[in-house]
Amino acid sequence: MSVRKSLHQKSPLVAAVEVGKKALRKSDRERLVEKPTRIRVVDSLDLDCAARLEQPEENRWDYLVGTSAAVAPVIAVEVHPANPGQVDTIVAKKKMAEGFLEAHLIKGMRPARWFWVATGSTTVSKNTREYRRLQLAGIDLVGSSLSLADKL
């Protein structure tokens, strides 16, 4: 599956889908680690940019990524500083993205997993209220890189 195939054909987002990791900012591409023999990035969408026109004042989620993994064909990836003060922002970004995507995704389609990739060191500890809030929201904080083979 891919991001492109998960979208309604008439969705304006289709035109913004790029092959592989091309929709990701250059600095973020290396944060998604592929193992070509196992799981690859098929396509990607800069969701932040695509949603900007409809939701200019909202905190927007960064990316949708299509993968070759059967269990998680489309994932959502946010690259953002990881500290306790940012948890509410990340949860709000996910909620906004879910609402925004309802109008664009084929019925029954949605990102299988939501990942928060830290831009620096992660200061959200697993034994904290903030970490539990992320877990309840369905967001996985993965550190400074996302190894697709390990997480999908």
Protein backbone atom coordinates (compact mmCIF):
# COMPACT_ATOMS: atom_id res chain seq x y z
CA MET A 1 0.00 0.00 0.00
CA SER A 2 1.06 3.57 -0.37
CA VAL A 3 -0.01 7.03 0.68
CA ARG A 4 -1.20 7.67 -2.86
CA LYS A 5 -3.43 4.56 -2.88
CA SER A 6 -4.91 5.43 0.51
CA LEU A 7 -6.19 8.80 -0.73
CA HIS A 8 -9.40 9.51 -2.66
CA GLN A 9 -8.46 9.92 -6.31
CA LYS A 10 -9.97 13.43 -6.35
CA SER A 11 -8.17 14.57 -3.19
CA PRO A 12 -5.85 17.51 -3.86
CA LEU A 13 -3.30 15.74 -1.64
CA VAL A 14 -2.64 13.16 -4.38
CA ALA A 15 -0.63 15.74 -6.32
CA ALA A 16 1.63 16.36 -3.31
CA VAL A 17 2.63 12.70 -2.83
CA GLU A 18 6.27 12.06 -3.73
CA VAL A 19 8.17 8.86 -4.50
CA GLY A 20 10.19 7.45 -1.60
CA LYS A 21 11.27 10.01 1.00
CA LYS A 22 11.28 12.97 -1.41
CA ALA A 23 8.41 14.77 0.40
CA LEU A 24 10.46 14.83 3.61
CA ARG A 25 12.72 17.76 4.34
CA LYS A 26 16.28 16.81 3.53
CA SER A 27 17.28 17.03 7.22
CA ASP A 28 14.48 14.59 8.15
CA ARG A 29 15.13 11.94 5.49
CA GLU A 30 18.03 10.38 7.37
CA ARG A 31 15.83 10.01 10.46
CA LEU A 32 13.80 7.27 8.71
CA VAL A 33 16.06 4.26 8.50
CA GLU A 34 15.20 1.66 5.89
CA LYS A 35 16.52 -1.84 5.44
CA PRO A 36 15.98 -2.44 1.72
CA THR A 37 15.69 -6.19 2.12
CA ARG A 38 12.90 -5.81 4.71
CA ILE A 39 10.88 -2.59 4.82
CA ARG A 40 11.15 0.38 2.49
CA VAL A 41 9.55 3.77 2.13
CA VAL A 42 7.30 3.62 -0.94
CA ASP A 43 6.08 7.22 -0.99
CA SER A 44 5.58 10.23 1.25
CA LEU A 45 3.47 13.33 1.77
CA ASP A 46 4.46 16.56 3.50
CA LEU A 47 1.23 16.81 5.47
CA ASP A 48 2.32 20.01 7.22
CA CYS A 49 2.63 21.79 3.88
CA ALA A 50 -0.48 20.19 2.37
CA ALA A 51 -2.71 21.16 5.33
CA ARG A 52 -1.37 24.71 5.63
CA LEU A 53 -3.95 26.25 3.28
CA GLU A 54 -6.94 24.75 5.10
CA GLN A 55 -5.52 25.07 8.61
CA PRO A 56 -3.00 27.94 8.62
CA GLU A 57 -3.18 28.64 12.36
CA GLU A 58 -3.13 25.03 13.60
CA ASN A 59 -0.18 22.94 14.73
CA ARG A 60 0.16 20.46 11.86
CA TRP A 61 1.60 16.93 11.76
CA ASP A 62 4.69 16.60 9.53
CA TYR A 63 4.40 13.56 7.27
CA LEU A 64 2.50 10.56 6.00
CA VAL A 65 4.79 7.79 4.80
CA GLY A 66 3.80 4.78 2.70
CA THR A 67 5.80 1.65 3.51
CA SER A 68 6.23 -1.84 2.13
CA ALA A 69 5.17 -3.30 5.51
CA ALA A 70 1.89 -5.22 5.34
CA VAL A 71 1.06 -4.47 8.99
CA ALA A 72 1.64 -0.71 8.65
CA PRO A 73 1.30 0.36 5.03
CA VAL A 74 0.86 4.03 5.92
CA ILE A 75 2.40 5.66 8.98
CA ALA A 76 2.46 9.20 10.32
CA VAL A 77 5.78 10.75 11.33
CA GLU A 78 6.37 13.93 13.34
CA VAL A 79 9.93 15.28 13.68
CA HIS A 80 9.98 17.64 16.65
CA PRO A 81 11.95 18.41 19.83
CA ALA A 82 11.06 15.80 22.46
CA ASN A 83 10.58 17.32 25.88
CA PRO A 84 7.68 17.14 28.34
CA GLY A 85 6.47 20.63 27.43
CA GLN A 86 5.84 19.53 23.82
CA VAL A 87 3.56 16.57 24.57
CA ASP A 88 0.33 18.59 24.43
CA THR A 89 1.41 20.10 21.10
CA ILE A 90 2.16 16.68 19.61
CA VAL A 91 -1.17 15.25 20.79
CA ALA A 92 -2.98 18.28 19.33
CA LYS A 93 -1.13 17.84 16.02
CA LYS A 94 -2.29 14.23 15.80
CA LYS A 95 -5.88 15.16 16.56
CA MET A 96 -5.83 17.90 13.92
CA ALA A 97 -4.29 15.54 11.36
CA GLU A 98 -6.90 12.85 11.99
CA GLY A 99 -9.70 15.36 11.41
CA PHE A 100 -8.05 16.83 8.33
CA LEU A 101 -7.39 13.42 6.78
CA GLU A 102 -11.00 12.23 7.16
CA ALA A 103 -11.92 14.20 4.04
CA HIS A 104 -8.97 12.87 2.03
CA LEU A 105 -8.48 9.21 2.91
CA ILE A 106 -10.52 6.37 1.45
CA LYS A 107 -13.11 5.15 3.93
CA GLY A 108 -11.50 2.80 6.45
CA MET A 109 -7.97 4.02 5.71
CA ARG A 110 -5.85 5.74 8.33
CA PRO A 111 -2.23 5.74 9.43
CA ALA A 112 -1.48 2.43 11.14
CA ARG A 113 1.03 4.02 13.52
CA TRP A 114 1.91 7.55 14.69
CA PHE A 115 5.60 8.16 15.44
CA TRP A 116 7.29 11.12 17.13
CA VAL A 117 10.96 11.34 16.13
CA ALA A 118 13.05 13.62 18.35
CA THR A 119 15.19 16.31 16.76
CA GLY A 120 17.61 16.18 19.69
CA SER A 121 17.84 14.20 22.87
CA THR A 122 14.61 12.83 24.29
CA THR A 123 13.73 14.16 27.72
CA VAL A 124 10.34 12.47 28.04
CA SER A 125 10.92 9.54 30.42
CA LYS A 126 8.84 6.37 30.24
CA ASN A 127 7.73 6.67 33.87
CA THR A 128 6.09 10.06 33.49
CA ARG A 129 2.57 11.37 33.08
CA GLU A 130 3.58 12.88 29.73
CA TYR A 131 4.75 9.55 28.35
CA ARG A 132 1.50 7.89 29.44
CA ARG A 133 -0.42 10.68 27.73
CA LEU A 134 1.42 9.91 24.48
CA GLN A 135 0.66 6.22 24.82
CA LEU A 136 -3.04 6.93 25.43
CA ALA A 137 -3.07 9.15 22.34
CA GLY A 138 -1.52 6.35 20.25
CA ILE A 139 1.79 8.11 19.64
CA ASP A 140 5.12 6.27 19.83
CA LEU A 141 8.11 8.39 20.85
CA VAL A 142 11.03 6.66 19.17
CA GLY A 143 14.12 8.78 19.83
CA SER A 144 16.21 10.53 17.19
CA SER A 145 15.55 8.04 14.37
CA LEU A 146 12.86 5.62 13.27
CA SER A 147 14.09 2.20 12.17
CA LEU A 148 11.26 0.86 10.07
CA ALA A 149 12.45 -2.73 10.37
CA ASP A 150 12.44 -2.51 14.18
CA LYS A 151 9.16 -0.63 14.68
CA LEU A 152 6.90 -2.10 11.97
